[in-house]
N, C-alpha and C. Protein backbone atom coordinates (compact mmCIF):
# COMPACT_ATOMS: atom_id res chain seq x y z
N MET A 1 -6.34 -13.50 13.65
CA MET A 1 -7.18 -14.66 13.50
C MET A 1 -8.61 -14.21 13.25
N VAL A 2 -9.36 -15.09 12.61
CA VAL A 2 -10.72 -14.77 12.22
C VAL A 2 -11.64 -15.88 12.74
N SER A 3 -12.82 -15.48 13.20
CA SER A 3 -13.80 -16.44 13.70
C SER A 3 -14.51 -17.12 12.53
N ALA A 4 -15.39 -18.05 12.86
CA ALA A 4 -16.15 -18.77 11.83
C ALA A 4 -17.02 -17.81 11.01
N ASP A 5 -17.50 -16.72 11.64
CA ASP A 5 -18.31 -15.75 10.89
C ASP A 5 -17.46 -14.62 10.31
N GLU A 6 -16.14 -14.84 10.26
CA GLU A 6 -15.16 -13.95 9.63
C GLU A 6 -14.98 -12.61 10.32
N THR A 7 -15.27 -12.54 11.62
CA THR A 7 -14.94 -11.33 12.37
C THR A 7 -13.56 -11.51 12.98
N LEU A 8 -12.84 -10.40 13.09
CA LEU A 8 -11.49 -10.46 13.66
C LEU A 8 -11.54 -10.83 15.13
N LEU A 9 -10.61 -11.67 15.52
CA LEU A 9 -10.50 -12.07 16.92
C LEU A 9 -9.31 -11.37 17.56
N PRO A 10 -9.34 -11.15 18.87
CA PRO A 10 -8.25 -10.42 19.53
C PRO A 10 -7.06 -11.33 19.87
N TYR A 11 -6.58 -12.08 18.87
CA TYR A 11 -5.46 -12.99 19.06
C TYR A 11 -4.47 -12.83 17.93
N PHE A 12 -3.26 -13.23 18.16
CA PHE A 12 -2.27 -13.28 17.09
C PHE A 12 -1.32 -14.43 17.37
N ILE A 13 -0.60 -14.83 16.34
CA ILE A 13 0.35 -15.94 16.46
C ILE A 13 1.73 -15.41 16.10
N THR A 14 2.72 -15.82 16.85
CA THR A 14 4.10 -15.49 16.48
C THR A 14 4.90 -16.78 16.46
N ILE A 15 5.95 -16.76 15.70
CA ILE A 15 6.85 -17.90 15.61
C ILE A 15 8.21 -17.46 16.13
N SER A 16 8.80 -18.27 16.96
CA SER A 16 10.11 -17.94 17.51
C SER A 16 11.01 -19.17 17.39
N ASN A 17 12.26 -18.93 17.06
CA ASN A 17 13.18 -20.06 16.94
C ASN A 17 14.03 -20.24 18.20
N THR A 18 13.59 -19.65 19.30
CA THR A 18 14.28 -19.82 20.57
C THR A 18 13.28 -20.25 21.64
N ARG A 19 13.82 -20.86 22.68
CA ARG A 19 12.96 -21.24 23.81
C ARG A 19 13.13 -20.18 24.89
N ALA A 20 12.03 -19.67 25.34
CA ALA A 20 12.07 -18.65 26.39
C ALA A 20 11.75 -19.29 27.73
N LEU A 21 12.37 -18.74 28.77
CA LEU A 21 12.07 -19.22 30.12
C LEU A 21 10.70 -18.76 30.58
N ASP A 22 10.34 -17.56 30.13
CA ASP A 22 9.06 -16.99 30.56
C ASP A 22 8.29 -16.54 29.32
N MET A 23 7.33 -17.35 28.91
CA MET A 23 6.56 -17.04 27.70
C MET A 23 5.70 -15.79 27.87
N ASP A 24 5.38 -15.41 29.09
CA ASP A 24 4.63 -14.18 29.32
C ASP A 24 5.44 -12.96 28.90
N VAL A 25 6.75 -13.02 29.11
CA VAL A 25 7.63 -11.93 28.69
C VAL A 25 7.65 -11.85 27.16
N VAL A 26 7.73 -13.00 26.51
CA VAL A 26 7.71 -13.03 25.04
C VAL A 26 6.39 -12.49 24.53
N ARG A 27 5.29 -12.94 25.11
CA ARG A 27 3.97 -12.46 24.69
C ARG A 27 3.85 -10.95 24.87
N ALA A 28 4.27 -10.45 26.01
CA ALA A 28 4.17 -9.01 26.29
C ALA A 28 5.02 -8.21 25.30
N GLY A 29 6.19 -8.72 24.99
CA GLY A 29 7.04 -8.03 24.01
C GLY A 29 6.41 -8.00 22.64
N ASN A 30 5.85 -9.11 22.21
CA ASN A 30 5.17 -9.15 20.91
C ASN A 30 3.95 -8.25 20.89
N GLU A 31 3.21 -8.21 21.97
CA GLU A 31 2.05 -7.32 22.05
C GLU A 31 2.47 -5.86 21.94
N ARG A 32 3.57 -5.51 22.58
CA ARG A 32 4.08 -4.14 22.53
C ARG A 32 4.48 -3.76 21.10
N VAL A 33 5.20 -4.66 20.43
CA VAL A 33 5.63 -4.40 19.05
C VAL A 33 4.42 -4.31 18.13
N LEU A 34 3.49 -5.23 18.27
CA LEU A 34 2.30 -5.22 17.43
C LEU A 34 1.47 -3.96 17.65
N ALA A 35 1.31 -3.56 18.89
CA ALA A 35 0.54 -2.34 19.19
C ALA A 35 1.21 -1.11 18.56
N ALA A 36 2.53 -1.06 18.62
CA ALA A 36 3.24 0.07 18.02
C ALA A 36 3.07 0.08 16.50
N ARG A 37 3.16 -1.08 15.86
CA ARG A 37 2.99 -1.15 14.41
C ARG A 37 1.56 -0.77 14.00
N LEU A 38 0.59 -1.25 14.74
CA LEU A 38 -0.79 -0.90 14.43
C LEU A 38 -1.05 0.59 14.65
N SER A 39 -0.44 1.14 15.68
CA SER A 39 -0.57 2.58 15.93
C SER A 39 0.05 3.38 14.79
N ASP A 40 1.22 2.95 14.32
CA ASP A 40 1.86 3.61 13.17
C ASP A 40 0.96 3.52 11.94
N ALA A 41 0.41 2.34 11.70
CA ALA A 41 -0.46 2.15 10.53
C ALA A 41 -1.67 3.07 10.60
N ALA A 42 -2.29 3.16 11.77
CA ALA A 42 -3.46 4.03 11.93
C ALA A 42 -3.09 5.49 11.69
N TYR A 43 -1.93 5.91 12.21
CA TYR A 43 -1.49 7.29 12.03
C TYR A 43 -1.30 7.60 10.53
N PHE A 44 -0.56 6.76 9.83
CA PHE A 44 -0.30 7.02 8.41
C PHE A 44 -1.58 6.92 7.59
N PHE A 45 -2.43 5.96 7.90
CA PHE A 45 -3.68 5.82 7.17
C PHE A 45 -4.54 7.07 7.35
N ASP A 46 -4.71 7.51 8.61
CA ASP A 46 -5.52 8.70 8.88
C ASP A 46 -4.97 9.92 8.16
N ARG A 47 -3.66 10.04 8.10
CA ARG A 47 -3.04 11.16 7.41
C ARG A 47 -3.21 11.04 5.89
N ASP A 48 -3.03 9.83 5.37
CA ASP A 48 -3.09 9.62 3.92
C ASP A 48 -4.48 9.86 3.35
N VAL A 49 -5.53 9.46 4.05
CA VAL A 49 -6.87 9.58 3.48
C VAL A 49 -7.34 11.04 3.41
N LYS A 50 -6.60 11.94 4.01
CA LYS A 50 -6.95 13.36 3.92
C LYS A 50 -6.62 13.94 2.55
N GLN A 51 -5.78 13.24 1.78
CA GLN A 51 -5.41 13.71 0.45
C GLN A 51 -5.79 12.63 -0.57
N PRO A 52 -6.66 12.94 -1.52
CA PRO A 52 -7.05 11.95 -2.52
C PRO A 52 -5.85 11.49 -3.36
N LEU A 53 -5.92 10.27 -3.85
CA LEU A 53 -4.84 9.75 -4.69
C LEU A 53 -4.59 10.66 -5.90
N ALA A 54 -5.65 11.19 -6.46
CA ALA A 54 -5.50 12.05 -7.64
C ALA A 54 -4.60 13.25 -7.35
N ASP A 55 -4.63 13.74 -6.12
CA ASP A 55 -3.79 14.88 -5.75
C ASP A 55 -2.33 14.49 -5.57
N ARG A 56 -2.05 13.20 -5.52
CA ARG A 56 -0.68 12.73 -5.34
C ARG A 56 0.05 12.48 -6.65
N VAL A 57 -0.69 12.42 -7.75
CA VAL A 57 -0.11 12.06 -9.04
C VAL A 57 1.06 12.99 -9.41
N GLU A 58 0.92 14.28 -9.19
CA GLU A 58 2.01 15.22 -9.51
C GLU A 58 3.28 14.89 -8.73
N GLY A 59 3.13 14.38 -7.52
CA GLY A 59 4.29 14.02 -6.70
C GLY A 59 5.11 12.90 -7.30
N LEU A 60 4.52 12.12 -8.21
CA LEU A 60 5.25 11.04 -8.86
C LEU A 60 6.38 11.57 -9.74
N LYS A 61 6.29 12.85 -10.13
CA LYS A 61 7.36 13.46 -10.94
C LYS A 61 8.68 13.54 -10.18
N LYS A 62 8.61 13.51 -8.86
CA LYS A 62 9.80 13.64 -8.02
C LYS A 62 10.44 12.29 -7.69
N VAL A 63 9.83 11.20 -8.15
CA VAL A 63 10.34 9.87 -7.82
C VAL A 63 10.87 9.21 -9.08
N THR A 64 12.16 8.93 -9.09
CA THR A 64 12.77 8.29 -10.25
C THR A 64 12.36 6.83 -10.33
N TYR A 65 11.85 6.45 -11.47
CA TYR A 65 11.49 5.06 -11.70
C TYR A 65 12.74 4.29 -12.11
N GLN A 66 13.39 4.79 -13.14
CA GLN A 66 14.62 4.21 -13.64
C GLN A 66 15.31 5.31 -14.42
N GLU A 67 16.60 5.43 -14.25
CA GLU A 67 17.34 6.57 -14.81
C GLU A 67 17.02 6.82 -16.28
N LYS A 68 17.00 5.80 -17.10
CA LYS A 68 16.77 5.98 -18.54
C LYS A 68 15.30 6.03 -18.91
N LEU A 69 14.44 5.70 -17.96
CA LEU A 69 13.00 5.67 -18.25
C LEU A 69 12.24 6.79 -17.57
N GLY A 70 12.92 7.58 -16.75
CA GLY A 70 12.28 8.73 -16.13
C GLY A 70 11.66 8.45 -14.77
N SER A 71 10.68 9.27 -14.47
CA SER A 71 10.03 9.23 -13.15
C SER A 71 8.84 8.25 -13.14
N LEU A 72 8.29 8.06 -11.95
CA LEU A 72 7.07 7.26 -11.85
C LEU A 72 5.92 7.93 -12.59
N TYR A 73 5.96 9.25 -12.67
CA TYR A 73 4.95 9.97 -13.44
C TYR A 73 5.06 9.61 -14.92
N ASP A 74 6.30 9.58 -15.41
CA ASP A 74 6.53 9.21 -16.82
C ASP A 74 6.01 7.79 -17.08
N LYS A 75 6.28 6.89 -16.15
CA LYS A 75 5.80 5.51 -16.28
C LYS A 75 4.27 5.50 -16.29
N THR A 76 3.67 6.28 -15.42
CA THR A 76 2.22 6.35 -15.36
C THR A 76 1.63 6.84 -16.68
N GLU A 77 2.27 7.81 -17.29
CA GLU A 77 1.81 8.32 -18.58
C GLU A 77 1.88 7.24 -19.66
N ARG A 78 2.93 6.41 -19.63
CA ARG A 78 3.04 5.31 -20.58
C ARG A 78 1.94 4.27 -20.33
N VAL A 79 1.67 4.00 -19.07
CA VAL A 79 0.61 3.04 -18.72
C VAL A 79 -0.75 3.60 -19.18
N LYS A 80 -0.95 4.91 -19.06
CA LYS A 80 -2.21 5.52 -19.52
C LYS A 80 -2.42 5.31 -21.02
N LYS A 81 -1.36 5.51 -21.79
CA LYS A 81 -1.47 5.30 -23.24
C LYS A 81 -1.80 3.85 -23.55
N LEU A 82 -1.15 2.94 -22.84
CA LEU A 82 -1.41 1.52 -23.04
C LEU A 82 -2.84 1.17 -22.63
N ALA A 83 -3.30 1.72 -21.53
CA ALA A 83 -4.66 1.45 -21.06
C ALA A 83 -5.69 1.95 -22.07
N LYS A 84 -5.46 3.11 -22.62
CA LYS A 84 -6.37 3.67 -23.63
C LYS A 84 -6.41 2.76 -24.86
N TYR A 85 -5.25 2.32 -25.28
CA TYR A 85 -5.15 1.45 -26.45
C TYR A 85 -5.89 0.13 -26.19
N LEU A 86 -5.62 -0.49 -25.05
CA LEU A 86 -6.26 -1.77 -24.72
C LEU A 86 -7.76 -1.63 -24.51
N ALA A 87 -8.18 -0.52 -23.94
CA ALA A 87 -9.62 -0.29 -23.75
C ALA A 87 -10.33 -0.25 -25.10
N GLY A 88 -9.67 0.35 -26.07
CA GLY A 88 -10.25 0.38 -27.41
C GLY A 88 -10.38 -1.00 -28.02
N ILE A 89 -9.35 -1.81 -27.85
CA ILE A 89 -9.37 -3.17 -28.39
C ILE A 89 -10.46 -4.02 -27.74
N PHE A 90 -10.57 -3.90 -26.41
CA PHE A 90 -11.50 -4.75 -25.67
C PHE A 90 -12.87 -4.11 -25.44
N LYS A 91 -13.10 -2.96 -26.09
CA LYS A 91 -14.39 -2.27 -25.97
C LYS A 91 -14.72 -1.93 -24.51
N ALA A 92 -13.69 -1.58 -23.76
CA ALA A 92 -13.86 -1.18 -22.37
C ALA A 92 -14.04 0.33 -22.31
N ASP A 93 -14.44 0.82 -21.18
CA ASP A 93 -14.63 2.25 -20.98
C ASP A 93 -13.26 2.92 -20.95
N VAL A 94 -12.98 3.73 -21.95
CA VAL A 94 -11.67 4.38 -22.07
C VAL A 94 -11.39 5.33 -20.90
N ALA A 95 -12.40 6.11 -20.53
CA ALA A 95 -12.21 7.08 -19.43
C ALA A 95 -11.87 6.38 -18.12
N ILE A 96 -12.56 5.29 -17.83
CA ILE A 96 -12.29 4.56 -16.59
C ILE A 96 -10.90 3.92 -16.65
N SER A 97 -10.54 3.40 -17.81
CA SER A 97 -9.23 2.78 -17.98
C SER A 97 -8.12 3.81 -17.78
N GLU A 98 -8.29 4.99 -18.36
CA GLU A 98 -7.29 6.04 -18.19
C GLU A 98 -7.23 6.52 -16.74
N ARG A 99 -8.36 6.62 -16.11
CA ARG A 99 -8.40 7.04 -14.70
C ARG A 99 -7.67 6.04 -13.82
N ALA A 100 -7.92 4.76 -14.03
CA ALA A 100 -7.23 3.71 -13.27
C ALA A 100 -5.73 3.78 -13.50
N ALA A 101 -5.33 3.98 -14.74
CA ALA A 101 -3.91 4.08 -15.06
C ALA A 101 -3.28 5.32 -14.42
N THR A 102 -4.02 6.41 -14.39
CA THR A 102 -3.52 7.64 -13.78
C THR A 102 -3.23 7.44 -12.30
N LEU A 103 -4.07 6.68 -11.63
CA LEU A 103 -3.94 6.49 -10.18
C LEU A 103 -3.10 5.28 -9.78
N CYS A 104 -2.70 4.46 -10.75
CA CYS A 104 -2.13 3.16 -10.43
C CYS A 104 -0.82 3.21 -9.64
N LYS A 105 -0.08 4.30 -9.69
CA LYS A 105 1.19 4.39 -8.95
C LYS A 105 1.13 5.41 -7.83
N ALA A 106 0.03 6.13 -7.71
CA ALA A 106 -0.07 7.21 -6.72
C ALA A 106 0.06 6.72 -5.29
N ASP A 107 -0.31 5.48 -5.02
CA ASP A 107 -0.20 4.96 -3.66
C ASP A 107 1.26 4.85 -3.21
N LEU A 108 2.18 4.80 -4.16
CA LEU A 108 3.59 4.61 -3.82
C LEU A 108 4.18 5.77 -3.03
N ILE A 109 3.53 6.91 -3.04
CA ILE A 109 4.07 8.05 -2.29
C ILE A 109 3.21 8.40 -1.07
N THR A 110 2.41 7.43 -0.63
CA THR A 110 1.65 7.62 0.60
C THR A 110 2.49 7.21 1.80
N GLY A 111 2.11 7.68 2.95
CA GLY A 111 2.81 7.34 4.18
C GLY A 111 2.68 5.86 4.54
N VAL A 112 1.50 5.29 4.29
CA VAL A 112 1.29 3.88 4.60
C VAL A 112 2.26 3.01 3.80
N VAL A 113 2.36 3.25 2.51
CA VAL A 113 3.26 2.45 1.68
C VAL A 113 4.72 2.73 2.05
N GLY A 114 5.03 3.98 2.39
CA GLY A 114 6.39 4.29 2.83
C GLY A 114 6.78 3.52 4.07
N GLU A 115 5.85 3.40 5.00
CA GLU A 115 6.11 2.70 6.27
C GLU A 115 5.92 1.19 6.15
N PHE A 116 4.97 0.79 5.28
CA PHE A 116 4.66 -0.64 5.11
C PHE A 116 4.70 -0.96 3.61
N PRO A 117 5.89 -1.13 3.04
CA PRO A 117 6.02 -1.33 1.58
C PRO A 117 5.22 -2.50 1.04
N SER A 118 4.97 -3.51 1.84
CA SER A 118 4.22 -4.66 1.34
C SER A 118 2.75 -4.31 1.07
N SER A 119 2.31 -3.13 1.50
CA SER A 119 0.91 -2.74 1.26
C SER A 119 0.72 -2.03 -0.07
N ARG A 120 1.78 -1.81 -0.82
CA ARG A 120 1.63 -1.09 -2.09
C ARG A 120 0.77 -1.88 -3.07
N GLY A 121 0.13 -1.11 -3.95
CA GLY A 121 -0.71 -1.74 -4.97
C GLY A 121 -2.09 -1.96 -4.47
């Protein structure tokens, strides 16, 4: 939850489709699960930021995108060509466009995305 001035508040909401006899037990259980997930997130984030995304690009060669289309690295190379082409059409900075395309899939092999797939992109 967020306050009126948009600072995080120390509260959370859960939805349950059952009635509990002791809501304190439910709250404590949810707090335990949430604390564990946040601890996992902090661990993976701290580990991931030690290696720049650019250093992860080579690792994309080891991840199959689609059998007939190759690896995520191959896909990234195709996206780079497309980005360069579109940058030329739209008079955008080609180097920045290629750099963005180079890094666009690198997050997929981070620990955070591995543990929390909804955080990709």
